N, C-alpha and C. Protein backbone atom coordinates (compact mmCIF):
# COMPACT_ATOMS: atom_id res chain seq x y z
N UNK A 1 -117.45 60.81 147.14
CA UNK A 1 -116.23 59.77 147.66
C UNK A 1 -115.55 59.19 146.95
N UNK A 2 -116.08 58.55 146.01
CA UNK A 2 -115.00 57.56 145.21
C UNK A 2 -113.38 58.41 144.92
N UNK A 3 -114.06 59.57 144.70
CA UNK A 3 -112.57 59.99 144.26
C UNK A 3 -111.78 59.83 145.38
N UNK A 4 -112.30 60.31 147.04
CA UNK A 4 -111.59 60.05 147.65
C UNK A 4 -110.86 58.35 147.92
N UNK A 5 -111.29 57.80 147.79
CA UNK A 5 -111.35 56.24 147.46
C UNK A 5 -110.09 55.87 146.99
N UNK A 6 -110.05 56.87 145.64
CA UNK A 6 -108.98 56.43 144.53
C UNK A 6 -107.87 57.10 145.12
N UNK A 7 -108.18 58.19 144.98
CA UNK A 7 -106.76 59.18 145.81
C UNK A 7 -106.12 58.76 146.73
N UNK A 8 -106.79 57.56 148.28
CA UNK A 8 -106.90 56.75 149.33
C UNK A 8 -105.74 55.58 148.42
N UNK A 9 -106.55 54.83 147.31
CA UNK A 9 -105.48 53.63 146.92
C UNK A 9 -104.63 53.99 146.34
N UNK A 10 -104.42 55.18 145.20
CA UNK A 10 -103.34 56.09 144.78
C UNK A 10 -101.83 56.04 146.08
N UNK A 11 -102.48 56.75 147.16
CA UNK A 11 -101.78 56.61 147.98
C UNK A 11 -101.24 56.17 148.71
N UNK A 12 -102.10 54.61 148.86
CA UNK A 12 -101.55 53.55 149.37
C UNK A 12 -100.70 52.84 148.40
N UNK A 13 -100.67 52.88 147.45
CA UNK A 13 -99.55 52.20 146.63
C UNK A 13 -98.20 53.21 146.60
N UNK A 14 -98.02 54.70 146.24
CA UNK A 14 -96.76 54.64 146.84
C UNK A 14 -96.26 54.54 147.95
N UNK A 15 -97.26 54.47 148.78
CA UNK A 15 -96.55 54.35 150.37
C UNK A 15 -96.00 53.02 151.05
N UNK A 16 -96.98 52.10 149.73
CA UNK A 16 -96.25 51.03 149.86
C UNK A 16 -94.76 50.60 148.96
N UNK A 17 -94.88 51.23 148.12
CA UNK A 17 -93.58 51.38 146.70
C UNK A 17 -92.08 52.20 147.75
N UNK A 18 -92.78 53.05 148.47
CA UNK A 18 -91.36 53.52 149.25
C UNK A 18 -90.91 53.14 150.89
N UNK A 19 -92.43 52.04 150.90
CA UNK A 19 -91.51 51.24 152.14
C UNK A 19 -90.21 50.16 151.60
N UNK A 20 -91.03 49.85 150.20
CA UNK A 20 -90.39 48.65 149.60
C UNK A 20 -89.06 48.97 149.23
N UNK A 21 -88.99 50.43 148.78
CA UNK A 21 -87.71 50.64 148.32
C UNK A 21 -86.79 50.58 149.81
N UNK A 22 -87.10 51.49 150.91
CA UNK A 22 -86.28 50.50 152.23
C UNK A 22 -85.98 49.64 152.81
N UNK A 23 -86.79 48.34 152.33
CA UNK A 23 -86.72 47.09 152.33
C UNK A 23 -87.58 47.02 153.62
N UNK A 24 -88.77 47.56 153.79
CA UNK A 24 -90.20 47.34 154.87
C UNK A 24 -91.41 46.51 154.08
N UNK A 25 -91.26 45.28 154.25
CA UNK A 25 -91.65 44.38 153.41
C UNK A 25 -93.18 44.34 154.51
N UNK A 26 -93.33 44.29 155.46
CA UNK A 26 -94.41 44.32 156.38
C UNK A 26 -95.27 44.96 156.11
N UNK A 27 -94.47 46.75 156.25
CA UNK A 27 -95.70 47.29 156.32
C UNK A 27 -95.97 47.89 155.17
N UNK A 28 -95.52 47.65 154.37
CA UNK A 28 -95.77 47.77 152.49
C UNK A 28 -96.93 46.26 152.12
N UNK A 29 -96.24 45.29 152.98
CA UNK A 29 -97.34 45.13 152.43
C UNK A 29 -99.17 45.07 153.79
N UNK A 30 -99.04 45.27 155.02
CA UNK A 30 -99.83 45.94 155.56
C UNK A 30 -101.24 46.77 154.20
N UNK A 31 -100.01 47.96 153.69
CA UNK A 31 -101.17 49.02 152.76
C UNK A 31 -101.74 47.97 151.37
N UNK A 32 -100.82 47.26 151.61
CA UNK A 32 -101.06 46.51 149.83
C UNK A 32 -102.22 46.10 149.98
N UNK A 33 -102.75 45.55 150.91
CA UNK A 33 -103.73 44.87 151.62
C UNK A 33 -104.73 45.71 151.93
N UNK A 34 -104.69 46.59 152.57
CA UNK A 34 -105.61 47.78 152.74
C UNK A 34 -106.43 48.00 151.29
N UNK A 35 -105.29 48.38 150.58
CA UNK A 35 -105.76 48.30 148.90
C UNK A 35 -106.76 47.71 148.39
N UNK A 36 -105.63 46.26 148.17
CA UNK A 36 -106.73 45.51 147.50
C UNK A 36 -107.71 45.34 148.20
N UNK A 37 -108.31 45.44 149.48
CA UNK A 37 -109.50 45.09 150.11
C UNK A 37 -110.34 46.36 150.01
N UNK A 38 -109.93 47.38 150.04
CA UNK A 38 -110.88 48.80 149.49
C UNK A 38 -110.73 49.06 148.11
N UNK A 39 -110.16 48.73 146.97
CA UNK A 39 -110.42 48.18 145.81
C UNK A 39 -111.45 47.11 145.53
N UNK A 40 -111.99 46.14 146.35
CA UNK A 40 -112.55 45.31 146.30
C UNK A 40 -114.00 45.15 146.65
N UNK A 41 -114.08 47.23 146.70
CA UNK A 41 -115.25 47.14 147.68
C UNK A 41 -115.30 47.16 149.19
N UNK A 42 -115.09 46.50 150.20
CA UNK A 42 -114.19 46.28 151.09
C UNK A 42 -114.80 46.92 152.41
N UNK A 43 -115.24 47.67 152.51
CA UNK A 43 -114.93 48.96 153.27
C UNK A 43 -114.16 49.01 155.07
N UNK A 44 -114.58 47.92 155.47
CA UNK A 44 -113.80 47.44 156.37
C UNK A 44 -112.44 47.35 155.87
N UNK A 45 -111.87 47.63 154.90
CA UNK A 45 -110.47 47.95 154.57
C UNK A 45 -109.79 49.49 155.45
N UNK A 46 -110.89 50.05 155.04
CA UNK A 46 -109.89 51.59 156.26
C UNK A 46 -110.03 51.36 157.78
N UNK A 47 -110.85 50.56 158.13
CA UNK A 47 -110.66 49.99 159.80
C UNK A 47 -109.03 49.20 159.70
N UNK A 48 -108.88 48.26 159.41
CA UNK A 48 -107.65 47.65 158.77
C UNK A 48 -106.81 48.78 158.59
N UNK A 49 -106.28 49.27 157.83
CA UNK A 49 -105.65 50.55 157.37
C UNK A 49 -105.48 51.44 158.80
N UNK A 50 -106.29 52.09 159.16
CA UNK A 50 -106.53 52.71 160.60
C UNK A 50 -105.94 51.99 162.32
N UNK A 51 -105.79 50.41 161.48
CA UNK A 51 -105.30 50.32 162.33
C UNK A 51 -103.78 49.78 162.59
N UNK A 52 -103.28 50.43 161.92
CA UNK A 52 -101.71 50.19 161.62
C UNK A 52 -101.43 51.74 162.25
N UNK A 53 -101.91 52.45 162.67
CA UNK A 53 -101.78 53.53 163.23
C UNK A 53 -102.29 53.81 164.47
N UNK A 54 -102.35 52.60 165.10
CA UNK A 54 -102.90 52.62 166.98
C UNK A 54 -101.31 51.89 167.63
N UNK A 55 -100.99 52.67 168.55
CA UNK A 55 -100.76 51.81 169.53
C UNK A 55 -99.27 52.00 169.67
N UNK A 56 -97.87 51.37 170.13
CA UNK A 56 -96.61 51.20 170.64
C UNK A 56 -96.63 50.21 168.91
N UNK A 57 -95.14 50.66 168.55
CA UNK A 57 -94.59 49.71 167.59
C UNK A 57 -96.24 49.96 165.67
N UNK A 58 -96.64 51.29 166.07
CA UNK A 58 -97.27 51.66 165.37
C UNK A 58 -96.29 52.26 163.73
N UNK A 59 -97.34 52.34 162.85
CA UNK A 59 -96.45 52.91 161.52
C UNK A 59 -95.84 54.29 162.02
N UNK A 60 -96.89 54.96 163.09
CA UNK A 60 -96.15 56.23 163.52
C UNK A 60 -94.92 56.56 164.23
N UNK A 61 -94.64 55.01 164.54
CA UNK A 61 -93.32 55.00 165.29
C UNK A 61 -92.35 54.43 163.74
N UNK A 62 -92.71 53.90 162.64
CA UNK A 62 -91.37 53.59 161.82
C UNK A 62 -91.02 54.67 161.40
N UNK A 63 -89.25 55.10 161.41
CA UNK A 63 -88.35 55.60 160.57
C UNK A 63 -87.84 54.90 159.68
N UNK A 64 -87.74 55.72 158.35
CA UNK A 64 -87.30 55.07 157.43
C UNK A 64 -85.61 55.53 156.98
N UNK A 65 -84.39 54.69 156.70
CA UNK A 65 -83.76 55.06 155.90
C UNK A 65 -82.33 54.93 157.04
N UNK A 66 -82.71 53.89 158.26
CA UNK A 66 -81.22 53.22 158.98
C UNK A 66 -81.12 51.93 158.12
N UNK A 67 -79.60 52.08 158.31
CA UNK A 67 -78.99 50.29 158.14
C UNK A 67 -77.26 51.12 159.19
N UNK A 68 -76.98 49.96 159.39
CA UNK A 68 -75.52 49.47 159.72
C UNK A 68 -74.28 49.54 158.89
N UNK A 69 -73.31 50.23 159.35
CA UNK A 69 -72.13 49.31 158.47
C UNK A 69 -70.93 49.38 159.80
N UNK A 70 -70.15 48.24 159.53
CA UNK A 70 -69.29 47.21 160.19
C UNK A 70 -70.15 47.34 161.73
N UNK A 71 -71.45 47.21 161.70
CA UNK A 71 -71.98 46.44 163.30
C UNK A 71 -71.83 48.18 163.43
N UNK A 72 -72.05 49.50 163.15
CA UNK A 72 -72.57 50.39 163.52
C UNK A 72 -73.95 50.91 162.71
N UNK A 73 -74.62 51.62 163.86
CA UNK A 73 -75.83 52.36 163.10
C UNK A 73 -75.17 53.32 162.17
N UNK A 74 -75.97 53.93 160.85
CA UNK A 74 -75.79 54.46 160.43
C UNK A 74 -77.28 54.93 159.52
N UNK A 75 -77.38 55.99 158.56
CA UNK A 75 -78.23 56.68 157.66
C UNK A 75 -77.48 56.54 156.48
N UNK A 76 -78.63 55.65 156.01
CA UNK A 76 -78.87 55.98 153.96
C UNK A 76 -78.51 56.93 153.53
N UNK A 77 -78.14 57.40 152.63
CA UNK A 77 -78.21 58.18 152.29
C UNK A 77 -79.19 58.66 151.43
N UNK A 78 -79.86 60.48 151.68
CA UNK A 78 -80.90 60.70 151.28
C UNK A 78 -82.17 60.06 152.62
N UNK A 79 -81.56 59.95 153.47
CA UNK A 79 -82.82 59.62 154.65
C UNK A 79 -83.85 60.90 154.79
N UNK A 80 -83.37 61.89 155.08
CA UNK A 80 -84.31 63.13 155.45
C UNK A 80 -85.62 63.31 154.44
N UNK A 81 -84.73 62.99 152.63
CA UNK A 81 -85.74 63.26 151.90
C UNK A 81 -86.94 62.21 151.86
N UNK A 82 -86.23 60.89 152.47
CA UNK A 82 -86.94 59.76 152.16
C UNK A 82 -87.70 60.01 153.51
N UNK A 83 -87.78 60.48 154.49
CA UNK A 83 -88.48 60.42 155.82
C UNK A 83 -89.88 61.46 155.33
N UNK A 84 -89.12 62.43 154.81
CA UNK A 84 -90.29 63.99 154.39
C UNK A 84 -91.07 62.90 154.02
N UNK A 85 -91.09 62.09 152.87
CA UNK A 85 -92.02 62.02 152.02
C UNK A 85 -93.21 60.74 152.19
N UNK A 86 -92.06 60.00 153.44
CA UNK A 86 -93.14 59.01 153.97
C UNK A 86 -93.87 59.72 154.46
N UNK A 87 -93.92 60.31 155.54
CA UNK A 87 -94.31 61.25 156.39
C UNK A 87 -95.36 61.83 156.04
N UNK A 88 -95.27 62.33 154.91
CA UNK A 88 -96.31 63.07 154.24
C UNK A 88 -97.58 62.25 153.51
N UNK A 89 -96.98 60.88 153.23
CA UNK A 89 -97.43 59.80 152.22
C UNK A 89 -98.81 59.44 153.43
N UNK A 90 -97.81 58.92 154.79
CA UNK A 90 -98.54 58.24 155.83
C UNK A 90 -99.91 59.28 156.61
N UNK A 91 -99.79 60.51 156.34
CA UNK A 91 -100.37 61.40 157.00
C UNK A 91 -101.73 61.56 156.20
N UNK A 92 -101.29 61.49 154.45
CA UNK A 92 -102.34 61.81 153.99
C UNK A 92 -103.20 60.61 153.88
N UNK A 93 -102.52 59.26 153.79
CA UNK A 93 -103.78 58.11 154.27
C UNK A 93 -104.34 58.07 155.28
N UNK A 94 -103.58 59.04 156.10
CA UNK A 94 -104.55 58.48 156.96
C UNK A 94 -105.82 59.86 157.53
N UNK A 95 -105.66 60.66 157.09
CA UNK A 95 -106.77 61.89 156.34
C UNK A 95 -107.74 60.91 155.61
N UNK A 96 -107.41 60.42 154.41
CA UNK A 96 -107.89 60.43 153.68
C UNK A 96 -109.17 58.36 154.00
N UNK A 97 -108.88 58.81 155.11
CA UNK A 97 -109.16 56.92 155.24
C UNK A 97 -110.01 57.41 156.62
N UNK A 98 -110.09 58.83 157.32
CA UNK A 98 -110.83 59.43 158.40
C UNK A 98 -111.70 59.89 157.38
N UNK A 99 -111.90 60.48 156.41
CA UNK A 99 -112.58 61.13 155.99
C UNK A 99 -113.72 60.18 155.01
N UNK A 100 -112.93 58.81 154.32
CA UNK A 100 -113.87 57.97 153.78
C UNK A 100 -114.81 57.17 155.53
N UNK A 101 -114.09 56.93 156.31
CA UNK A 101 -114.76 56.73 157.36
C UNK A 101 -116.17 57.21 158.15
N UNK A 102 -115.74 58.95 157.95
CA UNK A 102 -116.94 59.64 158.33
C UNK A 102 -118.00 59.75 157.30
N UNK A 103 -117.85 59.80 156.29
CA UNK A 103 -118.56 59.20 154.83
C UNK A 103 -119.60 58.40 155.22
N UNK A 104 -118.86 57.30 155.87
CA UNK A 104 -119.47 55.71 155.59
C UNK A 104 -120.28 55.90 156.82
N UNK A 105 -119.84 56.62 157.91
CA UNK A 105 -120.70 56.56 158.72
C UNK A 105 -122.06 57.78 158.98
N UNK A 106 -121.82 58.43 157.82
CA UNK A 106 -122.67 59.38 157.75
C UNK A 106 -122.81 60.79 159.08
N UNK A 107 -121.53 60.95 159.53
CA UNK A 107 -121.22 61.58 160.21
C UNK A 107 -119.99 62.93 159.46
């Protein structure tokens, strides 16, 4: 399980950096908070992380690479690759958190 935790910590760091690169500081802070808590041995950090995936307005609803030009919606260059990477990291973090949770619950 220690390797799952380290992999999740690495994934959360990558995810936070990717979010920051697109100007999203709210979700980046959420990921960094989860990583800091998990890194200090706080297993409730997994629940904190998983709450990011629940309900409307969750991280699942986030689409990166959006901007406006002259007051009109526009996509930033590279938005497809950006969102593919985001989806991959977001999914990986969720799966790792679920694995850690199952291991901690003994199921």
